[in-house]
Amino acid sequence: MVTLGSTSIIFAVFFLPYLVTSIHHRHLDDANANFYCCLSYEYGNQSHIDNIVHTKLSQSYQSILESSIHNARFNDPNVPKPYYIIVPENKEQVRAAMICCKNSGLETRIRSGGHDFEGLSYISYKPFCLVDLYSLRKIDIDVQEKTAWVEAGATLGELHYNIANKSKTLAFPAGIWPSIGVGGHISGGGQGPLMRKHGLAADNVLDATILNINGTILDRRGMGEYLFWAIRGGGAASFGVVLSWKLQLVEVPPVVTLFNVIRTQEEGATKLVRKWQKLVKEFPEELFLRINISPKIGPSSIEASFNSIYLGTRYHLLRLMRRTFPELNLKFRDCQEMSWINSTIRLDSYRNDTTIQDLLKRKDKRATFYKIKSDYVTKALSEKALDRLWNAFQNIGDALVHFTPYGGKMSEILEDAIPFPHRKGVLYNIEYFAMWQYPNQTVEKIKFDWVNGVYDYMGKFVSKPRTAYLNARDLDLGRTQNGSEKYSEAKSWGEMYFKGNFEKLARVKYSVDPGNYFRNEQSIPPLGS
């Protein structure tokens, strides 16, 4: 005989999931009504709302969502999708979108270029709005003042292209991959081939405009120096919505020189990398010489690509290399002279078929699946350590390791000048890339195992304590749980990105967003007094 109490238990077991689902949908229905009511009040024009707000029922929803997904791992039906995609046409519409999402109980994710390696700019596991800054791409260049105002939705390619249209001898020290969004790149630091001469992208920011939690748009004076400090290299998405940056442009010579020399293990790649490590701090600031390690089919497991840009002529570069690095055996025919803007499409040898106009393309030619990790090296690796690293490339297929040189201007800037702390004492940054071309769980596991294995092996050779580059985001280091993680729990991964600057970032966060609305799985947690 079943008692009333037992019946209640049976009812709860079988019908609770349906009840929870019903409550969830009712919550979203309420959020939907609140959202459109709010937008109607803010915009006052229904047709205008329909032009910039896209739901899963909208014909353009999927194409807009996919337009800035560069890591194909996150273009999957099982990955959470935004409740709304909002593509504002101006700053006031960004403000209205953020306010209405917040008032409707929805999270807000902000996307500029979509190159976030863990997809945090367009993924959330709670109901959320995606505010895509695609239309905020205005760029104003002042040649006389050597400055530029650039909206956060512009790409690096668009920025480089617009500067070159105004001047052949001005540039901005940032990365050169054209489809990367300016907003995220600068807010995470921004490595690039001019960093040894002029510092990071974030080191060359003069002003900014940001939308805060209260819906107020502030410039540097309005936001104050603490917040202005935090958004330059501290991950601006934790503090508000950066709408635009004022940049300090730098001078480059009319002629720069590139070379890309490849050496296998049989040709002495290991000894060359060893020598390069010793020279990193000695090279002049005008020389940026990185190394790309990739697998090679045959008796050698890897080939090392010595990939360089020199701010000067071929003649002066050859003299420098013969004096400092004769072992590389650089030849006259290896060196190409060109303008700075041409170098931005030629520095990566696999982009030799591109043109200046390709800088304006916002989508990569092919969608690639990848997983990335990073390290900083403060003490040169031994030949034995390098040889064991090379051995890891056997039978792995598509993979890549970047050695990016520091030194020069990077060593002169204090660790706390901005949140990005990796300065004096750093020889180079390493990024480990595991890549594959098609969705395949078996291949994905092999690639993840490879990159995790390489990362584990390198632990004994890299900085102590271990550190990482924010723009090579890696959720394996740790993550917040539903935005509620405490400072003490986030400290382990936060200090890997920011070292001693993490606490200051958390205190700035508390002062501007104590309720932690602007959050993601690796956002800065608020820390009160």
Protein backbone atom coordinates (compact mmCIF):
# COMPACT_ATOMS: atom_id res chain seq x y z
CA MET A 1 0.00 0.00 0.00
CA VAL A 2 1.36 3.40 -1.01
CA THR A 3 1.03 6.16 1.55
CA LEU A 4 0.45 9.82 0.76
CA GLY A 5 4.05 10.58 1.70
CA SER A 6 5.40 7.94 -0.70
CA THR A 7 3.22 9.28 -3.48
CA SER A 8 4.67 12.73 -2.90
CA ILE A 9 8.18 11.34 -3.14
CA ILE A 10 7.38 9.47 -6.37
CA PHE A 11 5.82 12.63 -7.82
CA ALA A 12 8.91 14.64 -6.91
CA VAL A 13 11.31 12.11 -8.45
CA PHE A 14 9.47 11.87 -11.77
CA PHE A 15 8.11 15.36 -12.21
CA LEU A 16 10.76 17.62 -10.62
CA PRO A 17 12.84 17.79 -13.84
CA TYR A 18 9.76 18.94 -15.74
CA LEU A 19 8.95 21.47 -13.04
CA VAL A 20 12.52 22.86 -13.14
CA THR A 21 12.38 23.05 -16.94
CA SER A 22 9.03 24.82 -16.77
CA ILE A 23 10.37 27.34 -14.27
CA HIS A 24 13.46 27.88 -16.45
CA HIS A 25 11.35 28.58 -19.55
CA ARG A 26 9.01 30.82 -17.57
CA HIS A 27 12.06 32.76 -16.37
CA LEU A 28 13.26 33.16 -19.96
CA ASP A 29 9.80 34.23 -21.11
CA ASP A 30 9.77 36.90 -18.40
CA ALA A 31 13.31 37.94 -19.37
CA ASN A 32 12.20 38.14 -23.00
CA ALA A 33 9.28 40.43 -22.17
CA ASN A 34 11.43 42.60 -19.93
CA PHE A 35 14.17 42.79 -22.52
CA TYR A 36 11.95 44.00 -25.37
CA CYS A 37 10.08 46.37 -23.08
CA CYS A 38 13.41 47.84 -22.00
CA LEU A 39 14.67 48.18 -25.58
CA SER A 40 11.44 49.81 -26.69
CA TYR A 41 11.91 52.38 -23.95
CA GLU A 42 15.60 52.91 -24.83
CA TYR A 43 15.23 52.91 -28.64
CA GLY A 44 11.59 53.90 -29.17
CA ASN A 45 11.56 52.30 -32.64
CA GLN A 46 10.52 48.65 -33.12
CA SER A 47 11.90 48.39 -36.67
CA HIS A 48 15.26 49.62 -35.39
CA ILE A 49 15.23 46.93 -32.70
CA ASP A 50 14.53 44.25 -35.30
CA ASN A 51 17.55 45.41 -37.31
CA ILE A 52 20.07 44.96 -34.51
CA VAL A 53 18.56 42.24 -32.27
CA HIS A 54 18.71 38.65 -33.51
CA THR A 55 17.17 35.57 -31.85
CA LYS A 56 17.46 31.91 -32.76
CA LEU A 57 14.40 32.38 -34.95
CA SER A 58 16.10 35.14 -36.95
CA GLN A 59 17.33 34.22 -40.40
CA SER A 60 20.68 35.93 -39.82
CA TYR A 61 21.28 34.55 -36.28
CA GLN A 62 23.54 31.64 -37.21
CA SER A 63 25.63 33.52 -39.78
CA ILE A 64 26.27 36.39 -37.33
CA LEU A 65 27.20 33.97 -34.55
CA GLU A 66 29.64 32.06 -36.77
CA SER A 67 31.14 35.17 -38.36
CA SER A 68 33.71 35.67 -35.59
CA ILE A 69 34.24 32.13 -34.33
CA HIS A 70 37.85 31.41 -35.28
CA ASN A 71 38.34 28.29 -33.17
CA ALA A 72 36.07 25.66 -34.72
CA ARG A 73 35.94 23.79 -31.39
CA PHE A 74 33.26 26.26 -30.33
CA ASN A 75 31.19 26.13 -33.52
CA ASP A 76 29.37 23.04 -32.30
CA PRO A 77 25.67 22.39 -31.62
CA ASN A 78 26.45 21.36 -28.04
CA VAL A 79 28.14 24.66 -27.19
CA PRO A 80 25.74 27.10 -25.40
CA LYS A 81 24.32 29.78 -27.68
CA PRO A 82 23.26 33.34 -26.79
CA TYR A 83 19.60 34.07 -26.13
CA TYR A 84 20.05 37.25 -28.15
CA ILE A 85 22.75 38.51 -30.49
CA ILE A 86 22.79 42.30 -30.51
CA VAL A 87 24.85 44.14 -33.12
CA PRO A 88 24.77 47.81 -32.03
CA GLU A 89 25.47 50.53 -34.56
CA ASN A 90 26.79 53.08 -32.06
CA LYS A 91 27.90 53.50 -28.45
CA GLU A 92 24.46 54.48 -27.19
CA GLN A 93 23.03 51.25 -28.56
CA VAL A 94 25.77 49.29 -26.77
CA ARG A 95 24.71 51.06 -23.59
CA ALA A 96 21.03 50.22 -24.12
CA ALA A 97 21.84 46.59 -24.93
CA MET A 98 23.92 46.11 -21.79
CA ILE A 99 21.34 47.81 -19.54
CA CYS A 100 18.46 45.77 -20.97
CA CYS A 101 20.32 42.46 -20.74
CA LYS A 102 21.26 43.22 -17.13
CA ASN A 103 17.75 44.34 -16.16
CA SER A 104 16.33 41.16 -17.70
CA GLY A 105 18.55 38.90 -15.61
CA LEU A 106 20.74 37.87 -18.54
CA GLU A 107 24.52 37.84 -18.59
CA THR A 108 26.33 39.90 -21.21
CA ARG A 109 29.29 38.74 -23.28
CA ILE A 110 31.14 41.23 -25.48
CA ARG A 111 32.81 40.20 -28.73
CA SER A 112 35.12 42.28 -30.90
CA GLY A 113 37.16 39.90 -33.06
CA GLY A 114 36.28 36.53 -31.57
CA HIS A 115 39.85 35.20 -31.30
CA ASP A 116 39.48 34.41 -27.59
CA PHE A 117 41.17 31.00 -27.50
CA GLU A 118 38.59 29.58 -25.06
CA GLY A 119 35.56 31.29 -26.63
CA LEU A 120 34.76 33.31 -23.51
CA SER A 121 33.70 36.34 -25.54
CA TYR A 122 30.70 34.49 -27.00
CA ILE A 123 29.96 31.53 -24.68
CA SER A 124 28.25 31.36 -21.28
CA TYR A 125 26.60 28.48 -19.44
CA LYS A 126 23.88 30.78 -18.14
CA PRO A 127 21.24 32.56 -20.28
CA PHE A 128 23.11 35.41 -21.93
CA CYS A 129 23.21 38.14 -24.53
CA LEU A 130 26.04 38.41 -27.03
CA VAL A 131 26.82 42.04 -27.82
CA ASP A 132 28.85 41.93 -31.04
CA LEU A 133 30.83 45.13 -31.66
CA TYR A 134 31.23 44.37 -35.38
CA SER A 135 29.74 47.73 -36.43
CA LEU A 136 31.90 49.81 -34.07
CA ARG A 137 34.96 49.97 -36.34
CA LYS A 138 35.62 53.67 -36.83
CA ILE A 139 39.32 54.62 -36.97
CA ASP A 140 40.54 58.24 -36.84
CA ILE A 141 44.25 58.88 -37.50
CA ASP A 142 45.97 62.13 -36.50
CA VAL A 143 49.29 62.10 -38.34
CA GLN A 144 50.51 65.35 -36.80
CA GLU A 145 49.86 64.19 -33.23
CA LYS A 146 50.86 60.59 -34.05
CA THR A 147 47.70 59.25 -32.42
CA ALA A 148 44.68 57.20 -33.41
CA TRP A 149 41.21 56.71 -31.95
CA VAL A 150 39.99 53.23 -32.82
CA GLU A 151 36.68 51.66 -31.87
CA ALA A 152 36.86 48.30 -30.14
CA GLY A 153 35.13 46.37 -32.93
CA ALA A 154 37.89 47.10 -35.47
CA THR A 155 40.45 44.43 -36.29
CA LEU A 156 44.23 44.70 -36.23
CA GLY A 157 44.23 44.38 -40.02
CA GLU A 158 41.86 47.34 -40.34
CA LEU A 159 43.99 49.36 -37.93
CA HIS A 160 47.27 48.66 -39.75
CA TYR A 161 45.62 49.36 -43.13
CA ASN A 162 44.16 52.71 -42.03
CA ILE A 163 47.41 53.90 -40.50
CA ALA A 164 49.33 53.02 -43.67
CA ASN A 165 46.81 54.95 -45.76
CA LYS A 166 47.76 58.10 -43.83
CA SER A 167 51.49 57.54 -43.32
CA LYS A 168 54.21 55.16 -44.54
CA THR A 169 56.36 55.76 -41.46
CA LEU A 170 53.82 55.44 -38.64
CA ALA A 171 52.64 52.18 -37.10
CA PHE A 172 51.09 50.73 -33.96
CA PRO A 173 52.96 48.07 -31.93
CA ALA A 174 50.47 45.20 -31.92
CA GLY A 175 50.04 41.74 -33.38
CA ILE A 176 49.74 41.31 -37.12
CA TRP A 177 47.11 38.59 -37.52
CA PRO A 178 44.51 40.69 -39.38
CA SER A 179 41.26 39.23 -38.05
CA ILE A 180 42.11 39.70 -34.35
CA GLY A 181 39.84 42.26 -32.67
CA VAL A 182 41.46 45.41 -31.33
CA GLY A 183 39.35 45.37 -28.16
CA GLY A 184 40.48 42.04 -26.76
CA HIS A 185 44.04 42.20 -28.08
CA ILE A 186 44.88 45.46 -26.33
CA SER A 187 43.04 44.63 -23.11
CA GLY A 188 45.10 41.42 -22.75
CA GLY A 189 48.50 43.03 -23.42
CA GLY A 190 49.10 42.65 -27.14
CA GLN A 191 52.40 41.09 -28.25
CA GLY A 192 53.71 41.95 -31.69
CA PRO A 193 56.86 42.37 -33.79
CA LEU A 194 57.46 45.95 -32.56
CA MET A 195 57.36 45.03 -28.86
CA ARG A 196 61.16 44.93 -28.39
CA LYS A 197 61.36 48.49 -29.72
CA HIS A 198 58.15 50.04 -28.41
CA GLY A 199 56.53 47.67 -25.91
CA LEU A 200 53.12 46.02 -26.06
CA ALA A 201 49.93 47.38 -27.57
CA ALA A 202 48.66 48.05 -24.03
CA ASP A 203 51.83 50.03 -23.24
CA ASN A 204 50.89 52.50 -25.99
CA VAL A 205 47.35 53.46 -24.96
CA LEU A 206 46.75 57.13 -24.14
CA ASP A 207 43.03 57.14 -23.39
CA ALA A 208 39.92 54.98 -23.68
CA THR A 209 36.15 55.11 -23.38
CA ILE A 210 34.38 52.47 -21.30
CA LEU A 211 30.76 51.67 -20.48
CA ASN A 212 30.52 50.94 -16.76
CA ILE A 213 28.05 48.86 -14.76
CA ASN A 214 25.79 51.90 -14.25
CA GLY A 215 25.48 52.52 -17.99
CA THR A 216 27.75 55.57 -17.95
CA ILE A 217 30.29 56.09 -20.72
CA LEU A 218 33.59 57.36 -19.29
CA ASP A 219 36.90 58.49 -20.73
CA ARG A 220 40.24 58.28 -18.90
CA ARG A 221 39.53 61.30 -16.77
CA GLY A 222 36.06 60.07 -15.87
CA MET A 223 37.03 56.48 -15.07
CA GLY A 224 40.11 57.44 -13.03
CA GLU A 225 43.66 56.13 -13.20
CA TYR A 226 43.00 52.87 -11.31
CA LEU A 227 40.43 51.63 -13.81
CA PHE A 228 42.47 52.98 -16.72
CA TRP A 229 45.41 50.99 -15.37
CA ALA A 230 43.31 47.81 -15.06
CA ILE A 231 41.87 47.68 -18.59
CA ARG A 232 45.31 47.91 -20.25
CA GLY A 233 46.43 44.30 -19.97
CA GLY A 234 44.13 43.18 -17.16
CA GLY A 235 41.31 41.88 -19.35
CA ALA A 236 38.84 44.73 -19.81
CA ALA A 237 35.84 42.38 -19.99
CA SER A 238 36.02 42.06 -16.17
CA PHE A 239 35.41 45.78 -15.65
CA GLY A 240 32.99 47.02 -18.30
CA VAL A 241 32.69 47.40 -22.06
CA VAL A 242 35.61 49.22 -23.69
CA LEU A 243 34.17 51.12 -26.63
CA SER A 244 37.30 52.77 -28.05
CA TRP A 245 41.02 53.28 -27.49
CA LYS A 246 43.24 56.28 -28.09
CA LEU A 247 46.59 54.94 -29.28
CA GLN A 248 50.10 56.33 -29.40
CA LEU A 249 51.50 55.65 -32.87
CA VAL A 250 55.22 55.02 -33.28
CA GLU A 251 57.69 55.77 -36.04
CA VAL A 252 59.02 53.05 -38.32
CA PRO A 253 61.65 53.45 -41.07
CA PRO A 254 60.62 53.61 -44.75
CA VAL A 255 62.36 50.26 -45.30
CA VAL A 256 62.26 47.18 -43.08
CA THR A 257 63.85 43.80 -43.79
CA LEU A 258 62.37 40.34 -43.38
CA PHE A 259 63.85 36.87 -43.48
CA ASN A 260 62.56 33.37 -42.85
CA VAL A 261 65.32 30.75 -42.57
CA ILE A 262 64.44 27.12 -41.87
CA ARG A 263 66.82 24.65 -40.25
CA THR A 264 66.19 21.00 -39.37
CA GLN A 265 67.77 19.03 -36.55
CA GLU A 266 70.23 17.55 -39.03
CA GLU A 267 71.22 21.09 -39.98
CA GLY A 268 71.93 22.02 -36.36
CA ALA A 269 68.57 23.49 -35.28
CA THR A 270 69.13 22.59 -31.63
CA LYS A 271 72.46 24.39 -31.36
CA LEU A 272 71.00 27.38 -33.20
CA VAL A 273 68.10 27.63 -30.76
CA ARG A 274 70.56 27.39 -27.87
CA LYS A 275 72.60 30.27 -29.30
CA TRP A 276 69.44 32.31 -29.99
CA GLN A 277 68.48 32.03 -26.30
CA LYS A 278 71.80 33.59 -25.30
CA LEU A 279 71.41 36.41 -27.83
CA VAL A 280 67.82 37.45 -27.06
CA LYS A 281 68.86 40.09 -24.52
CA GLU A 282 71.83 41.22 -26.64
CA PHE A 283 70.06 41.82 -29.94
CA PRO A 284 69.28 45.50 -30.62
CA GLU A 285 65.68 46.65 -30.12
CA GLU A 286 65.27 46.99 -33.88
CA LEU A 287 65.53 43.22 -34.39
CA PHE A 288 62.60 40.91 -33.70
CA LEU A 289 63.70 37.31 -34.31
CA ARG A 290 61.27 34.61 -33.23
CA ILE A 291 61.38 30.86 -33.78
CA ASN A 292 58.52 28.66 -34.93
CA ILE A 293 58.94 24.93 -34.28
CA SER A 294 56.85 22.52 -36.35
CA PRO A 295 56.97 18.78 -37.09
CA LYS A 296 58.86 17.46 -40.11
CA ILE A 297 58.37 14.14 -41.86
CA GLY A 298 61.63 12.20 -42.16
CA PRO A 299 64.70 11.51 -40.01
CA SER A 300 64.41 14.94 -38.34
CA SER A 301 61.41 15.30 -36.03
CA ILE A 302 61.20 19.10 -36.32
CA GLU A 303 62.15 22.11 -38.36
CA ALA A 304 62.90 25.47 -36.79
CA SER A 305 61.83 28.56 -38.70
CA PHE A 306 63.89 31.63 -37.75
CA ASN A 307 61.35 34.30 -38.61
CA SER A 308 62.48 37.93 -38.37
CA ILE A 309 61.76 41.57 -39.02
CA TYR A 310 64.47 44.22 -38.75
CA LEU A 311 63.71 47.95 -38.62
CA GLY A 312 66.33 48.88 -41.17
CA THR A 313 67.98 47.89 -44.43
CA ARG A 314 69.23 44.51 -45.58
CA TYR A 315 72.82 45.76 -45.55
CA HIS A 316 72.70 46.71 -41.86
CA LEU A 317 70.87 43.50 -40.93
CA LEU A 318 73.48 41.30 -42.61
CA ARG A 319 76.29 43.11 -40.82
CA LEU A 320 74.50 42.64 -37.51
CA MET A 321 73.81 38.93 -38.04
CA ARG A 322 77.34 38.14 -39.21
CA ARG A 323 78.71 39.79 -36.09
CA THR A 324 76.26 38.34 -33.52
CA PHE A 325 74.80 35.16 -35.03
CA PRO A 326 77.10 33.86 -37.78
CA GLU A 327 76.00 30.28 -37.05
CA LEU A 328 72.64 30.99 -38.72
CA ASN A 329 74.54 31.61 -41.99
CA LEU A 330 72.11 34.27 -43.19
CA LYS A 331 72.51 35.09 -46.91
CA PHE A 332 71.75 38.20 -48.93
CA ARG A 333 69.11 36.26 -50.90
CA ASP A 334 67.30 35.33 -47.64
CA CYS A 335 66.50 38.99 -46.88
CA GLN A 336 63.64 40.97 -48.36
CA GLU A 337 63.32 44.75 -48.07
CA MET A 338 59.84 46.26 -48.01
CA SER A 339 57.61 48.82 -46.31
CA TRP A 340 56.26 48.25 -42.82
CA ILE A 341 52.70 47.65 -44.05
CA ASN A 342 53.92 44.99 -46.47
CA SER A 343 55.74 43.28 -43.63
CA THR A 344 52.46 42.80 -41.75
CA ILE A 345 51.29 40.39 -44.46
CA ARG A 346 54.70 38.78 -45.10
CA LEU A 347 56.15 38.10 -41.64
CA ASP A 348 54.25 34.81 -41.46
CA SER A 349 55.64 32.75 -44.36
CA TYR A 350 52.38 30.81 -44.77
CA ARG A 351 50.63 34.06 -45.75
CA ASN A 352 52.84 34.80 -48.77
CA ASP A 353 49.85 34.72 -51.12
CA THR A 354 48.07 37.58 -49.32
CA THR A 355 47.76 41.23 -50.36
CA ILE A 356 47.38 44.51 -48.51
CA GLN A 357 43.62 44.36 -49.15
CA ASP A 358 43.48 41.08 -47.23
CA LEU A 359 44.13 43.07 -44.05
CA LEU A 360 40.48 44.13 -44.26
CA LYS A 361 39.15 40.56 -44.19
CA ARG A 362 37.58 39.76 -40.83
CA LYS A 363 37.30 36.01 -41.31
CA ASP A 364 40.16 33.50 -41.49
CA LYS A 365 40.48 31.53 -44.72
CA ARG A 366 39.89 28.27 -42.92
CA ALA A 367 38.32 27.37 -39.60
CA THR A 368 40.79 25.40 -37.49
CA PHE A 369 40.29 23.40 -34.32
CA TYR A 370 42.97 24.18 -31.76
CA LYS A 371 44.04 24.19 -28.13
CA ILE A 372 46.73 26.56 -26.85
CA LYS A 373 48.87 26.87 -23.73
CA SER A 374 51.66 29.30 -22.85
CA ASP A 375 54.76 29.73 -20.68
CA TYR A 376 57.52 32.23 -19.95
CA VAL A 377 61.19 31.22 -19.97
CA THR A 378 63.66 33.02 -17.71
CA LYS A 379 66.60 30.60 -17.99
CA ALA A 380 67.90 29.16 -21.25
CA LEU A 381 66.92 25.56 -21.99
CA SER A 382 69.74 23.01 -22.37
CA GLU A 383 70.32 21.06 -25.58
CA LYS A 384 69.05 17.93 -23.83
CA ALA A 385 65.83 19.67 -22.81
CA LEU A 386 65.32 20.99 -26.35
CA ASP A 387 65.98 17.59 -27.93
CA ARG A 388 63.36 16.01 -25.69
CA LEU A 389 60.91 18.73 -26.68
CA TRP A 390 61.62 18.02 -30.36
CA ASN A 391 60.95 14.31 -29.77
CA ALA A 392 57.42 15.17 -28.71
CA PHE A 393 56.69 16.26 -32.30
CA GLN A 394 57.09 12.76 -33.72
CA ASN A 395 53.86 11.41 -35.27
CA ILE A 396 51.70 14.28 -34.00
CA GLY A 397 50.81 15.91 -37.32
CA ASP A 398 49.62 19.53 -37.23
CA ALA A 399 51.26 21.27 -34.25
CA LEU A 400 53.33 24.37 -33.61
CA VAL A 401 55.41 25.98 -30.86
CA HIS A 402 56.22 29.73 -30.95
CA PHE A 403 59.29 31.17 -29.20
CA THR A 404 58.64 34.95 -28.99
CA PRO A 405 61.67 37.02 -27.86
CA TYR A 406 61.43 39.59 -25.10
CA GLY A 407 64.19 41.97 -23.96
CA GLY A 408 64.71 45.46 -25.35
CA LYS A 409 61.94 47.87 -24.34
CA MET A 410 60.06 45.04 -22.62
CA SER A 411 62.81 44.79 -19.98
CA GLU A 412 62.72 48.54 -19.29
CA ILE A 413 59.03 48.78 -18.32
CA LEU A 414 58.15 48.10 -14.68
CA GLU A 415 56.09 45.00 -13.84
CA ASP A 416 53.31 47.08 -12.32
CA ALA A 417 53.21 49.86 -14.95
CA ILE A 418 50.14 48.07 -16.31
CA PRO A 419 48.67 44.71 -15.17
CA PHE A 420 50.81 42.78 -17.69
CA PRO A 421 53.80 41.79 -15.49
CA HIS A 422 56.11 39.72 -17.73
CA ARG A 423 59.05 42.09 -18.13
CA LYS A 424 62.59 42.11 -16.83
CA GLY A 425 64.12 38.67 -16.55
CA VAL A 426 61.94 37.10 -19.25
CA LEU A 427 63.90 35.64 -22.18
CA TYR A 428 60.95 34.60 -24.27
CA ASN A 429 57.31 33.57 -24.31
CA ILE A 430 56.31 30.09 -25.49
CA GLU A 431 52.95 29.22 -27.00
CA TYR A 432 52.08 25.57 -27.68
CA PHE A 433 49.50 25.00 -30.45
CA ALA A 434 47.75 21.68 -31.09
CA MET A 435 45.67 21.89 -34.28
CA TRP A 436 43.36 19.69 -36.34
CA GLN A 437 41.12 20.32 -39.33
CA TYR A 438 37.96 18.25 -38.84
CA PRO A 439 35.66 17.42 -35.91
CA ASN A 440 36.80 14.05 -34.59
CA GLN A 441 36.73 13.07 -30.91
CA THR A 442 39.58 10.60 -31.26
CA VAL A 443 41.83 13.16 -32.97
CA GLU A 444 40.82 15.82 -30.46
CA LYS A 445 41.83 13.57 -27.55
CA ILE A 446 45.20 12.84 -29.19
CA LYS A 447 45.82 16.56 -29.69
CA PHE A 448 44.78 17.48 -26.14
CA ASP A 449 46.96 14.71 -24.73
CA TRP A 450 49.89 16.00 -26.81
CA VAL A 451 49.63 19.65 -25.77
CA ASN A 452 49.04 18.70 -22.13
CA GLY A 453 52.00 16.31 -22.21
CA VAL A 454 54.32 18.94 -23.69
CA TYR A 455 53.10 21.49 -21.15
CA ASP A 456 53.71 19.07 -18.27
CA TYR A 457 57.20 18.24 -19.55
CA MET A 458 58.16 21.92 -19.87
CA GLY A 459 57.15 22.67 -16.28
CA LYS A 460 60.64 22.01 -14.94
CA PHE A 461 62.30 24.43 -17.39
CA VAL A 462 60.08 27.53 -17.39
CA SER A 463 59.53 30.39 -14.92
CA LYS A 464 59.16 29.64 -11.21
CA PRO A 465 56.44 30.16 -10.15
CA ARG A 466 54.88 29.24 -13.50
CA THR A 467 53.29 32.06 -15.48
CA ALA A 468 51.07 32.46 -18.55
CA TYR A 469 49.99 35.04 -21.15
CA LEU A 470 46.39 36.25 -20.82
CA ASN A 471 45.87 36.48 -24.58
CA ALA A 472 46.74 32.77 -24.80
CA ARG A 473 43.81 32.03 -22.49
CA ASP A 474 43.83 28.54 -20.94
CA LEU A 475 40.91 27.36 -18.80
CA ASP A 476 42.93 24.36 -17.64
CA LEU A 477 44.70 26.75 -15.25
CA GLY A 478 41.46 27.22 -13.32
CA ARG A 479 38.06 28.83 -13.68
CA THR A 480 35.33 30.51 -11.68
CA GLN A 481 32.17 28.62 -10.85
CA ASN A 482 29.08 30.57 -11.94
CA GLY A 483 30.87 33.83 -11.20
CA SER A 484 30.97 33.10 -7.46
CA GLU A 485 34.58 32.05 -7.02
CA LYS A 486 36.34 33.90 -4.24
CA TYR A 487 39.55 35.83 -4.65
CA SER A 488 41.43 33.25 -2.58
CA GLU A 489 40.29 30.48 -4.91
CA ALA A 490 41.03 32.42 -8.10
CA LYS A 491 44.47 33.48 -6.88
CA SER A 492 46.21 30.32 -8.15
CA TRP A 493 45.48 31.02 -11.81
CA GLY A 494 45.13 34.80 -11.47
CA GLU A 495 48.73 35.18 -10.35
CA MET A 496 49.90 33.05 -13.28
CA TYR A 497 48.59 35.75 -15.62
CA PHE A 498 49.23 38.83 -13.48
CA LYS A 499 51.70 37.89 -10.72
CA GLY A 500 51.62 40.53 -7.95
CA ASN A 501 49.19 42.72 -9.93
CA PHE A 502 46.29 40.30 -9.41
CA GLU A 503 45.31 41.66 -5.99
CA LYS A 504 45.22 45.25 -7.27
CA LEU A 505 43.05 44.14 -10.20
CA ALA A 506 40.62 42.47 -7.79
CA ARG A 507 40.39 45.63 -5.67
CA VAL A 508 39.74 47.76 -8.77
CA LYS A 509 37.07 45.24 -9.76
CA TYR A 510 35.35 45.65 -6.38
CA SER A 511 35.37 49.43 -6.71
CA VAL A 512 33.70 49.44 -10.15
CA ASP A 513 31.64 46.21 -10.24
CA PRO A 514 31.16 44.85 -6.69
CA GLY A 515 28.22 42.68 -7.80
CA ASN A 516 30.44 40.96 -10.39
CA TYR A 517 28.10 41.41 -13.36
CA PHE A 518 30.92 41.58 -15.90
CA ARG A 519 32.25 38.07 -15.55
CA ASN A 520 33.34 34.94 -17.35
CA GLU A 521 35.06 31.71 -16.39
CA GLN A 522 38.36 33.54 -15.85
CA SER A 523 37.29 37.04 -14.95
CA ILE A 524 38.75 39.08 -12.11
CA PRO A 525 36.81 38.48 -8.85
CA PRO A 526 35.92 41.50 -6.66
CA LEU A 527 38.01 41.90 -3.51
CA GLY A 528 36.75 44.32 -0.88
CA SER A 529 38.78 45.99 1.83
